[in-house]
Structure formats: structure tokens, C-alpha cells
Amino acid sequence: MDEFVRKPKQPIAEDSPNKVQQVSTPASSAVYEPQSKKTKFSFKIPTPKTKRQWILTVVTILALLSLAGFAIYWFIFRNTSTPPVVVQQQPQQPIETGPVPIYSVTSGRETDATTNSRPVYAVQIENSPEARPQSGLINADIVSEAIAEGGITRFNAIYHDNIPANLGPIRSLRPYYINWFRPYDAAIVHAGGSGEALSDIKTLGLKDIDHGNSSGVFRRVSNRYAPHNLYSTGQQILDLMTQRGYKSDVSSSLPRKKAEPSQTPSAKNISLNISRALYNANFTYDPTSNTYLRAQGGAAHVDADTKQQIAPNVVVVPVMGRRTHPDRVHTVYDSIGSGKVYVFQDGAVIEGTWTKPSREAQWELKDTSGNVIKLNPGQTWFTMIESADRVSFTP
């Protein structure tokens, strides 16, 4: 039992080498001393020590070299030595859209290239009682109606789409009619004219087909007396234009649209007080044909050859000043400028403004909101009126 008795520890002498000096340091006064040098990362390839390790190292290096060589060949040498693979695309089947439609430079009707290449010409056609009924007005693309003198109206008829078999009676020219056919670069067919008009033909260099210098294309009919019996044909005029090398460079045409007849027509009866009863005109809307049947002097206005009533697709009524020429015989119209206009089509009326800044310029027709008024294709009939109170219409 004595060996289990704990013996008391022997005190260690103060100067003993086994004495560990105890230093009491408060926790709050502990100081962290960082390492004096930061350990740097370094990559070292381990040196093989055994034969097995040497074999694995050699195999790995060879594999890496083979992979690198393959990559260099594939991405560099192969692309320069081997032509690129061209993917053959299937040709697209053309979309069949049909022929592009061609529209007449005068009437806006759909036509063909041969017809549209014809030169344009304008004919002065008389409207005195002795000249009625006329021939060929029904075939015109554009007709401009105005007073020549003494309240007697006369027509300037522009032709392009059709070749009328008969044209007349043909009469003299006035200068304001030039302003209306000039935008179409048309030849003018006439029998003389006022001194001012004849001077304008030379000054402007117009293509002139006058009875005096082109008598071969004119003839006198026996069923009427002179000067109301001078006629020609569309084919004779076209042949003469070909002989003379006359062509037409139409710089601008009237804007056209698709016809859209109104379901509730608001302007079916139109009355135009041009000068006096014998020359005043009326137009009655025909919803079946979407045209306006023309009458003058209280009678239907018919064609002498076909006996059919003239029926334009559009009726345009520009309001413009009119006065007597200083010679006290001829008429003067303020045809260059602007004014009020009425456009009748599709059984309705559009009120607006007409503008014509120059003789060569085309009519500019706009509604009261400033929008361009587009016209139905077909015959367009212009009647000049000197004041708005001379125009009336009813549903």
C-alpha cells in the first residue's frame, strides 16, 4: 500500500536549471506577430523516382504532343489546304405575279405598252348650233370646254387611247386652250386661230397641225357648209405625226384612283350656267355605268356617228375669272393661278381648290383639307365657269 502513497513534490530551487519562469500576461495585451515572409506559389514537376513513374510520364507527354499536333493541323493547315465545303441551296421557285399593269398617261385606263407609246394630240372642235352633233368627242380622253367668243363655247379634245374614225368640225385656236393640253406635250390640230394663239404656237415651239400647213389630213364634208364642215380622222393625224417625227413626253398626268360608286349619290343632277341657254350644260349621273350623261341646250349631247350620248366618267368644274379681250372680240380666261373647283364623280361632289402655276404645269386639284383629289379612270370633262353661283347640283 506504501507504493500508492503520493509523495509530496520537491520544491525546485530558484536557481535550478529545471525551473521554468512563469510570466503572467494579461489576455488583452497579447500581440499577433505575422510571419515575416509570405509563402509564394511555385509549380514543380515532380521528378519520377521509379520506373513505373517514368513510363507514365513519357506516355502522358507523347499524348499531349499528339493532341497539340492534331489541333494545329485541323484548325490551321487543313483550312488552307482543303477547299471549303459549298452547300448547294435549292433554287427558289419564281413567284408568278403576272404582268405589271400599264395605265394610260391621259385617261388612267389600263392599257398596253403599244397604245401607251402613241403620241398625244389635241383637236379644236366647234360647238355652235351649225356644228352639232360633233364627231369624235365621245372618244376623247380629256375635254376642256370654254367660251371662244360671243358666249359660244368650244372644245379642246385630247386623244391618245382611241383612234376616232371621224373628228370635227375643226375650228380655230385660242391661247388659253394651250394651257390645258400643254402638260401632255400634245400636237395641236386646228384651223387657224387668234393672232395671240398663232404667235404662241411659234414662241412655244408647239407641234402644229394647222389646216394651212397640213391640208392633206383635212377634208370638207358635203352635208354641212363652211366653216362648219372641216374634218379629219385619228389615223390620218397619227400618220402625219409619225412622218414628222412627233412624239409626246408627258411630264405629269392627272392623279387617278379606283372607281368607287356611292351607295347614296349626293350629286346626281348638275347644272352649269356657262353663258346662255343654248350653251348651258347639264350632267345626269347614271349609277349603272358610273358616268354622267351630258346634255346642252336642253337636248342630249350625242355623237354624230355612233348616236350614243356623251357620258364622261368625271366632271371637273374650275371657277376662274373671264373677261373680253382688248380686241373686243375674243375671250380671256385667268387660267394660270388658282380658284374654287367642283369635282363630280361616283355620284358625289368634292369641293376644293384648283391650282395651275404655269402653262406647262398639270392641274392640281385639292379638297378643303388640302388632300389631292384623285380622279376615276376614263374620260374627264372640264367645264370652265366664271363664278361659283353658276354651278348647282341636287341629289
Protein backbone atom coordinates (compact mmCIF):
# COMPACT_ATOMS: atom_id res chain seq x y z
CA MET A 1 0.00 0.00 0.00
CA ASP A 2 3.00 2.22 0.55
CA GLU A 3 3.69 2.42 -3.19
CA PHE A 4 0.34 4.07 -3.71
CA VAL A 5 1.10 6.85 -1.24
CA ARG A 6 1.59 10.14 -3.29
CA LYS A 7 4.79 11.69 -2.32
CA PRO A 8 4.94 15.42 -1.94
CA LYS A 9 6.60 17.33 -4.76
CA GLN A 10 10.00 18.55 -4.00
CA PRO A 11 10.39 22.28 -4.31
CA ILE A 12 12.56 23.42 -7.12
CA ALA A 13 15.27 25.75 -6.27
CA GLU A 14 15.05 29.21 -7.60
CA ASP A 15 18.28 28.88 -9.43
CA SER A 16 17.65 25.38 -10.67
CA PRO A 17 18.03 24.81 -14.42
CA ASN A 18 14.75 22.91 -14.43
CA LYS A 19 12.87 25.87 -13.12
CA VAL A 20 10.53 27.41 -15.76
CA GLN A 21 9.88 31.02 -15.06
CA GLN A 22 6.14 31.74 -15.08
CA VAL A 23 5.19 35.05 -16.64
CA SER A 24 1.68 36.24 -16.25
CA THR A 25 0.48 38.20 -19.36
CA PRO A 26 -2.96 39.72 -19.48
CA ALA A 27 -5.17 38.40 -22.36
CA SER A 28 -5.83 41.91 -23.60
CA SER A 29 -2.16 42.60 -24.04
CA ALA A 30 -1.50 39.65 -26.37
CA VAL A 31 0.25 40.71 -29.62
CA TYR A 32 -0.16 38.89 -33.02
CA GLU A 33 3.07 38.67 -34.85
CA PRO A 34 2.60 37.84 -38.62
CA GLN A 35 5.02 35.69 -40.44
CA SER A 36 7.99 37.57 -41.65
CA LYS A 37 7.70 36.23 -45.28
CA LYS A 38 4.65 35.38 -47.48
CA THR A 39 4.71 31.93 -48.94
CA LYS A 40 4.91 32.09 -52.79
CA PHE A 41 3.21 29.56 -55.02
CA SER A 42 5.50 27.63 -57.27
CA PHE A 43 4.79 24.85 -59.68
CA LYS A 44 7.25 21.99 -59.62
CA ILE A 45 7.07 18.95 -61.79
CA PRO A 46 7.79 16.03 -59.57
CA THR A 47 10.75 14.03 -60.64
CA PRO A 48 9.89 10.42 -61.34
CA LYS A 49 11.61 8.14 -58.91
CA THR A 50 10.54 4.74 -60.08
CA LYS A 51 10.49 3.05 -63.46
CA ARG A 52 6.69 2.95 -63.45
CA GLN A 53 6.53 6.70 -62.88
CA TRP A 54 8.99 7.31 -65.73
CA ILE A 55 6.87 5.27 -68.13
CA LEU A 56 3.65 7.12 -67.18
CA THR A 57 5.37 10.49 -67.59
CA VAL A 58 6.67 9.67 -71.07
CA VAL A 59 3.26 8.33 -72.21
CA THR A 60 1.49 11.47 -70.93
CA ILE A 61 3.93 13.80 -72.74
CA LEU A 62 3.55 11.90 -76.00
CA ALA A 63 -0.24 12.02 -75.73
CA LEU A 64 -0.19 15.78 -75.17
CA LEU A 65 2.14 16.32 -78.12
CA SER A 66 -0.09 14.23 -80.37
CA LEU A 67 -3.17 16.20 -79.34
CA ALA A 68 -1.41 19.52 -79.95
CA GLY A 69 -0.23 18.40 -83.39
CA PHE A 70 -3.72 17.28 -84.37
CA ALA A 71 -5.19 20.62 -83.26
CA ILE A 72 -2.61 22.57 -85.30
CA TYR A 73 -3.37 20.52 -88.41
CA TRP A 74 -7.17 20.71 -88.02
CA PHE A 75 -7.51 24.43 -87.33
CA ILE A 76 -4.62 25.83 -89.41
CA PHE A 77 -3.23 23.64 -92.18
CA ARG A 78 -6.46 21.83 -93.03
CA ASN A 79 -8.42 25.11 -93.60
CA THR A 80 -5.80 26.40 -96.04
CA SER A 81 -5.23 23.22 -97.96
CA THR A 82 -8.75 21.87 -98.23
CA PRO A 83 -11.33 23.88 -100.25
CA PRO A 84 -14.36 24.92 -98.22
CA VAL A 85 -17.43 22.81 -98.49
CA VAL A 86 -20.09 24.60 -100.57
CA VAL A 87 -23.63 23.86 -99.56
CA GLN A 88 -25.83 23.67 -102.60
CA GLN A 89 -29.02 25.62 -101.96
CA GLN A 90 -32.20 24.67 -103.67
CA PRO A 91 -33.17 27.33 -106.24
CA GLN A 92 -36.23 29.33 -105.24
CA GLN A 93 -39.23 28.95 -107.41
CA PRO A 94 -40.19 32.32 -109.02
CA ILE A 95 -43.41 33.82 -107.73
CA GLU A 96 -45.84 34.24 -110.56
CA THR A 97 -47.33 37.71 -110.17
CA GLY A 98 -48.50 38.24 -113.73
CA PRO A 99 -47.69 41.21 -115.97
CA VAL A 100 -47.36 44.65 -114.40
CA PRO A 101 -50.43 46.71 -115.42
CA ILE A 102 -49.89 49.75 -117.64
CA TYR A 103 -52.11 52.80 -117.30
CA SER A 104 -52.82 55.45 -119.88
CA VAL A 105 -50.97 58.74 -119.44
CA THR A 106 -54.14 60.65 -120.33
CA SER A 107 -57.18 58.71 -119.10
CA GLY A 108 -55.72 56.45 -116.40
CA ARG A 109 -57.38 53.42 -118.02
CA GLU A 110 -55.48 50.14 -118.05
CA THR A 111 -53.90 49.74 -121.46
CA ASP A 112 -50.93 48.12 -123.23
CA ALA A 113 -47.41 49.32 -123.97
CA THR A 114 -48.06 49.84 -127.69
CA THR A 115 -51.07 52.06 -127.08
CA ASN A 116 -49.36 53.96 -124.30
CA SER A 117 -46.45 54.81 -126.60
CA ARG A 118 -48.66 56.71 -129.03
CA PRO A 119 -48.13 60.45 -129.29
CA VAL A 120 -50.83 62.69 -127.86
CA TYR A 121 -52.72 65.26 -129.92
CA ALA A 122 -55.44 67.81 -129.17
CA VAL A 123 -58.19 68.94 -131.54
CA GLN A 124 -60.18 72.19 -131.52
CA ILE A 125 -63.82 71.17 -132.04
CA GLU A 126 -66.60 73.63 -132.68
CA ASN A 127 -69.84 73.88 -130.68
CA SER A 128 -72.03 76.38 -132.49
CA PRO A 129 -75.53 75.07 -133.40
CA GLU A 130 -74.34 74.51 -137.01
CA ALA A 131 -71.60 72.18 -135.72
CA ARG A 132 -73.88 69.85 -133.79
CA PRO A 133 -73.75 66.93 -133.36
CA GLN A 134 -69.97 66.63 -133.38
CA SER A 135 -67.86 63.62 -134.30
CA GLY A 136 -65.20 62.13 -132.05
CA LEU A 137 -65.86 63.95 -128.77
CA ILE A 138 -67.13 60.68 -127.35
CA ASN A 139 -63.67 59.12 -127.97
CA ALA A 140 -61.61 61.85 -126.28
CA ASP A 141 -59.69 61.18 -123.07
CA ILE A 142 -59.89 64.76 -121.77
CA VAL A 143 -62.18 67.56 -122.93
CA SER A 144 -61.82 71.23 -121.93
CA GLU A 145 -64.90 73.37 -122.55
CA ALA A 146 -64.71 77.17 -122.57
CA ILE A 147 -66.12 80.19 -124.38
CA ALA A 148 -64.36 81.24 -127.58
CA GLU A 149 -66.26 84.46 -128.26
CA GLY A 150 -69.77 85.87 -128.05
CA GLY A 151 -70.79 83.31 -125.43
CA ILE A 152 -70.21 80.46 -127.93
CA THR A 153 -68.39 77.54 -126.36
CA ARG A 154 -65.67 75.46 -127.99
CA PHE A 155 -63.98 72.20 -127.03
CA ASN A 156 -60.34 71.21 -126.87
CA ALA A 157 -60.32 67.40 -127.04
CA ILE A 158 -57.19 65.40 -126.14
CA TYR A 159 -56.74 61.99 -127.83
CA HIS A 160 -54.46 59.10 -127.01
CA ASP A 161 -56.25 55.85 -126.06
CA ASN A 162 -58.65 55.70 -129.02
CA ILE A 163 -58.32 56.36 -132.75
CA PRO A 164 -61.58 58.05 -133.79
CA ALA A 165 -62.81 57.39 -137.30
CA ASN A 166 -64.12 60.93 -137.59
CA LEU A 167 -63.14 64.23 -135.96
CA GLY A 168 -64.88 67.56 -136.32
CA PRO A 169 -65.94 70.12 -137.12
CA ILE A 170 -62.43 71.50 -136.55
CA ARG A 171 -62.09 75.21 -135.78
CA SER A 172 -59.63 77.86 -134.63
CA LEU A 173 -57.41 78.04 -131.54
CA ARG A 174 -57.35 80.43 -128.57
CA PRO A 175 -54.31 80.88 -126.26
CA TYR A 176 -55.91 79.57 -123.04
CA TYR A 177 -56.65 76.18 -124.61
CA ILE A 178 -52.88 75.78 -124.98
CA ASN A 179 -52.58 75.86 -121.19
CA TRP A 180 -54.84 72.81 -120.90
CA PHE A 181 -53.18 70.49 -123.44
CA ARG A 182 -49.61 71.72 -122.91
CA PRO A 183 -48.81 69.34 -119.96
CA TYR A 184 -49.30 66.37 -122.32
CA ASP A 185 -46.80 67.65 -124.89
CA ALA A 186 -49.57 67.25 -127.44
CA ALA A 187 -49.67 68.32 -131.06
CA ILE A 188 -52.45 70.82 -131.75
CA VAL A 189 -54.90 70.18 -134.61
CA HIS A 190 -56.77 73.36 -135.62
CA ALA A 191 -57.86 75.64 -138.44
CA GLY A 192 -56.19 78.97 -137.78
CA GLY A 193 -56.65 80.90 -134.58
CA SER A 194 -56.45 84.27 -132.90
CA GLY A 195 -53.30 86.29 -133.51
CA GLU A 196 -52.12 85.64 -129.97
CA ALA A 197 -52.68 81.89 -130.24
CA LEU A 198 -50.80 81.62 -133.54
CA SER A 199 -47.94 83.60 -132.05
CA ASP A 200 -47.84 81.29 -129.02
CA ILE A 201 -47.54 78.23 -131.28
CA LYS A 202 -44.30 79.60 -132.72
CA THR A 203 -42.95 81.00 -129.46
CA LEU A 204 -43.55 77.77 -127.54
CA GLY A 205 -42.43 75.55 -130.41
CA LEU A 206 -45.65 73.53 -130.38
CA LYS A 207 -46.20 70.61 -132.73
CA ASP A 208 -48.50 72.35 -135.16
CA ILE A 209 -51.05 70.59 -137.37
CA ASP A 210 -52.89 73.52 -138.90
CA HIS A 211 -55.27 73.36 -141.86
CA GLY A 212 -52.99 75.89 -143.53
CA ASN A 213 -49.80 73.75 -143.36
CA SER A 214 -51.30 70.26 -143.23
CA SER A 215 -54.21 70.34 -145.67
CA GLY A 216 -53.62 66.72 -146.66
CA VAL A 217 -55.12 65.43 -143.40
CA PHE A 218 -58.25 67.62 -143.59
CA ARG A 219 -61.36 67.30 -145.72
CA ARG A 220 -64.58 69.20 -146.24
CA VAL A 221 -67.84 67.24 -145.87
CA SER A 222 -70.76 67.95 -148.19
CA ASN A 223 -73.61 67.74 -145.67
CA ARG A 224 -72.57 70.95 -143.92
CA TYR A 225 -71.48 74.32 -145.13
CA ALA A 226 -68.21 76.12 -144.39
CA PRO A 227 -66.71 76.86 -141.96
CA HIS A 228 -68.60 74.13 -140.05
CA ASN A 229 -67.58 71.24 -142.31
CA LEU A 230 -63.83 70.70 -141.77
CA TYR A 231 -62.99 67.16 -140.59
CA SER A 232 -60.14 64.69 -140.18
CA THR A 233 -59.56 61.20 -138.79
CA GLY A 234 -57.48 59.94 -135.90
CA GLN A 235 -55.42 57.66 -138.15
CA GLN A 236 -54.57 60.46 -140.59
CA ILE A 237 -53.34 62.63 -137.75
CA LEU A 238 -51.25 59.81 -136.25
CA ASP A 239 -49.71 59.03 -139.64
CA LEU A 240 -48.75 62.67 -140.14
CA MET A 241 -47.23 62.82 -136.65
CA THR A 242 -45.16 59.74 -137.48
CA GLN A 243 -43.97 61.31 -140.73
CA ARG A 244 -42.91 64.44 -138.90
CA GLY A 245 -41.32 62.56 -136.02
CA TYR A 246 -43.74 64.00 -133.48
CA LYS A 247 -43.59 62.27 -130.11
CA SER A 248 -45.01 63.14 -126.70
CA ASP A 249 -43.11 63.41 -123.47
CA VAL A 250 -45.88 63.52 -120.87
CA SER A 251 -44.28 65.07 -117.79
CA SER A 252 -47.27 64.61 -115.49
CA SER A 253 -50.76 63.14 -115.58
CA LEU A 254 -53.88 63.70 -113.55
CA PRO A 255 -53.79 61.54 -110.39
CA ARG A 256 -56.19 58.60 -110.67
CA LYS A 257 -57.89 56.14 -108.35
CA LYS A 258 -60.16 53.12 -108.47
CA ALA A 259 -63.81 53.97 -109.15
CA GLU A 260 -65.99 53.62 -106.04
CA PRO A 261 -69.64 54.39 -106.83
CA SER A 262 -71.51 55.90 -103.89
CA GLN A 263 -74.31 53.84 -102.36
CA THR A 264 -76.18 57.07 -101.66
CA PRO A 265 -75.41 59.51 -104.50
CA SER A 266 -75.48 63.14 -103.34
CA ALA A 267 -74.96 64.92 -106.67
CA LYS A 268 -76.96 63.24 -109.42
CA ASN A 269 -78.09 66.32 -111.35
CA ILE A 270 -75.56 69.01 -112.28
CA SER A 271 -76.43 72.32 -113.95
CA LEU A 272 -73.76 74.65 -115.36
CA ASN A 273 -74.75 78.15 -116.44
CA ILE A 274 -71.92 78.81 -118.87
CA SER A 275 -73.28 81.70 -120.93
CA ARG A 276 -76.83 81.34 -122.22
CA ALA A 277 -79.44 78.63 -122.70
CA LEU A 278 -78.08 77.32 -125.99
CA TYR A 279 -74.68 76.59 -124.43
CA ASN A 280 -75.52 75.78 -120.83
CA ALA A 281 -74.75 72.19 -119.89
CA ASN A 282 -76.36 69.55 -117.70
CA PHE A 283 -74.99 66.24 -116.46
CA THR A 284 -77.14 63.44 -115.04
CA TYR A 285 -75.50 60.69 -113.02
CA ASP A 286 -76.05 57.13 -114.30
CA PRO A 287 -75.34 54.70 -111.42
CA THR A 288 -75.34 51.69 -113.76
CA SER A 289 -72.30 52.91 -115.70
CA ASN A 290 -71.00 55.30 -113.02
CA THR A 291 -70.89 58.05 -115.66
CA TYR A 292 -72.54 61.43 -116.28
CA LEU A 293 -74.86 61.75 -119.26
CA ARG A 294 -74.26 65.11 -120.88
CA ALA A 295 -76.89 67.46 -122.30
CA GLN A 296 -76.61 71.00 -123.70
CA GLY A 297 -79.16 73.49 -124.90
CA GLY A 298 -81.88 71.28 -123.38
CA ALA A 299 -81.04 68.23 -125.55
CA ALA A 300 -78.90 65.14 -125.11
CA HIS A 301 -75.38 65.67 -126.39
CA VAL A 302 -74.79 62.74 -128.76
CA ASP A 303 -72.03 61.64 -131.10
CA ALA A 304 -72.85 62.17 -134.79
CA ASP A 305 -71.55 58.76 -135.89
CA THR A 306 -72.45 56.37 -133.06
CA LYS A 307 -75.59 58.26 -131.95
CA GLN A 308 -74.60 57.49 -128.38
CA GLN A 309 -74.87 60.12 -125.65
CA ILE A 310 -71.59 61.53 -124.42
CA ALA A 311 -71.01 60.32 -120.84
CA PRO A 312 -67.75 61.30 -119.11
CA ASN A 313 -66.58 59.42 -116.03
CA VAL A 314 -65.57 62.60 -114.21
CA VAL A 315 -66.81 66.18 -114.47
CA VAL A 316 -64.48 68.90 -113.19
CA VAL A 317 -65.72 72.49 -112.90
CA PRO A 318 -62.97 75.06 -112.19
CA VAL A 319 -64.19 78.53 -111.27
CA MET A 320 -61.98 81.14 -112.95
CA GLY A 321 -62.21 84.75 -114.00
CA ARG A 322 -63.31 85.53 -117.57
CA ARG A 323 -63.32 88.80 -119.46
CA THR A 324 -63.35 90.17 -123.00
CA HIS A 325 -60.05 90.59 -124.82
CA PRO A 326 -58.91 94.16 -125.59
CA ASP A 327 -59.79 93.42 -129.24
CA ARG A 328 -63.43 93.31 -128.01
CA VAL A 329 -63.99 90.01 -129.83
CA HIS A 330 -62.14 87.18 -128.15
CA THR A 331 -62.31 85.91 -124.58
CA VAL A 332 -59.62 85.85 -121.91
CA TYR A 333 -59.58 83.34 -119.01
CA ASP A 334 -57.48 83.61 -115.86
CA SER A 335 -56.28 80.06 -116.48
CA ILE A 336 -52.97 80.46 -114.65
CA GLY A 337 -53.40 80.79 -110.90
CA SER A 338 -55.92 79.17 -108.57
CA GLY A 339 -59.60 79.18 -107.63
CA LYS A 340 -62.51 77.13 -106.40
CA VAL A 341 -63.28 73.78 -108.01
CA TYR A 342 -66.09 71.22 -108.02
CA VAL A 343 -65.24 67.59 -108.83
CA PHE A 344 -68.15 65.28 -109.64
CA GLN A 345 -67.54 61.52 -109.65
CA ASP A 346 -69.07 58.34 -108.20
CA GLY A 347 -72.37 60.22 -107.81
CA ALA A 348 -70.90 62.67 -105.30
CA VAL A 349 -69.21 66.07 -105.32
CA ILE A 350 -65.91 67.18 -103.81
CA GLU A 351 -65.38 70.90 -103.34
CA GLY A 352 -61.88 72.26 -103.18
CA THR A 353 -59.26 74.33 -104.97
CA TRP A 354 -57.62 74.16 -108.37
CA THR A 355 -54.08 75.43 -108.93
CA LYS A 356 -52.09 75.84 -112.14
CA PRO A 357 -48.81 77.70 -111.61
CA SER A 358 -47.70 77.72 -115.27
CA ARG A 359 -48.75 76.81 -118.79
CA GLU A 360 -46.75 73.58 -118.68
CA ALA A 361 -47.94 72.57 -115.21
CA GLN A 362 -50.65 69.96 -114.70
CA TRP A 363 -53.89 70.77 -112.90
CA GLU A 364 -53.53 70.46 -109.11
CA LEU A 365 -56.87 69.62 -107.50
CA LYS A 366 -57.19 69.52 -103.70
CA ASP A 367 -60.12 69.25 -101.32
CA THR A 368 -60.84 71.68 -98.49
CA SER A 369 -58.48 69.73 -96.21
CA GLY A 370 -55.60 70.08 -98.66
CA ASN A 371 -55.69 66.46 -99.83
CA VAL A 372 -55.08 65.69 -103.51
CA ILE A 373 -58.30 64.80 -105.33
CA LYS A 374 -57.74 61.63 -107.33
CA LEU A 375 -59.99 61.03 -110.32
CA ASN A 376 -61.69 57.93 -111.69
CA PRO A 377 -60.13 56.49 -114.84
CA GLY A 378 -61.88 57.26 -118.11
CA GLN A 379 -62.99 60.40 -119.89
CA THR A 380 -62.54 63.57 -117.81
CA TRP A 381 -64.58 66.61 -118.78
CA PHE A 382 -63.53 70.14 -117.71
CA THR A 383 -66.05 72.98 -117.99
CA MET A 384 -64.80 76.47 -117.07
CA ILE A 385 -67.24 78.61 -115.07
CA GLU A 386 -66.66 82.27 -114.18
CA SER A 387 -68.37 82.22 -110.76
CA ALA A 388 -69.48 79.65 -108.19
CA ASP A 389 -73.12 80.79 -108.31
CA ARG A 390 -73.33 79.41 -111.85
CA VAL A 391 -72.88 75.84 -110.51
CA SER A 392 -75.77 73.92 -108.95
CA PHE A 393 -76.42 70.26 -108.16
CA THR A 394 -79.06 68.14 -106.47
CA PRO A 395 -79.14 64.60 -105.03
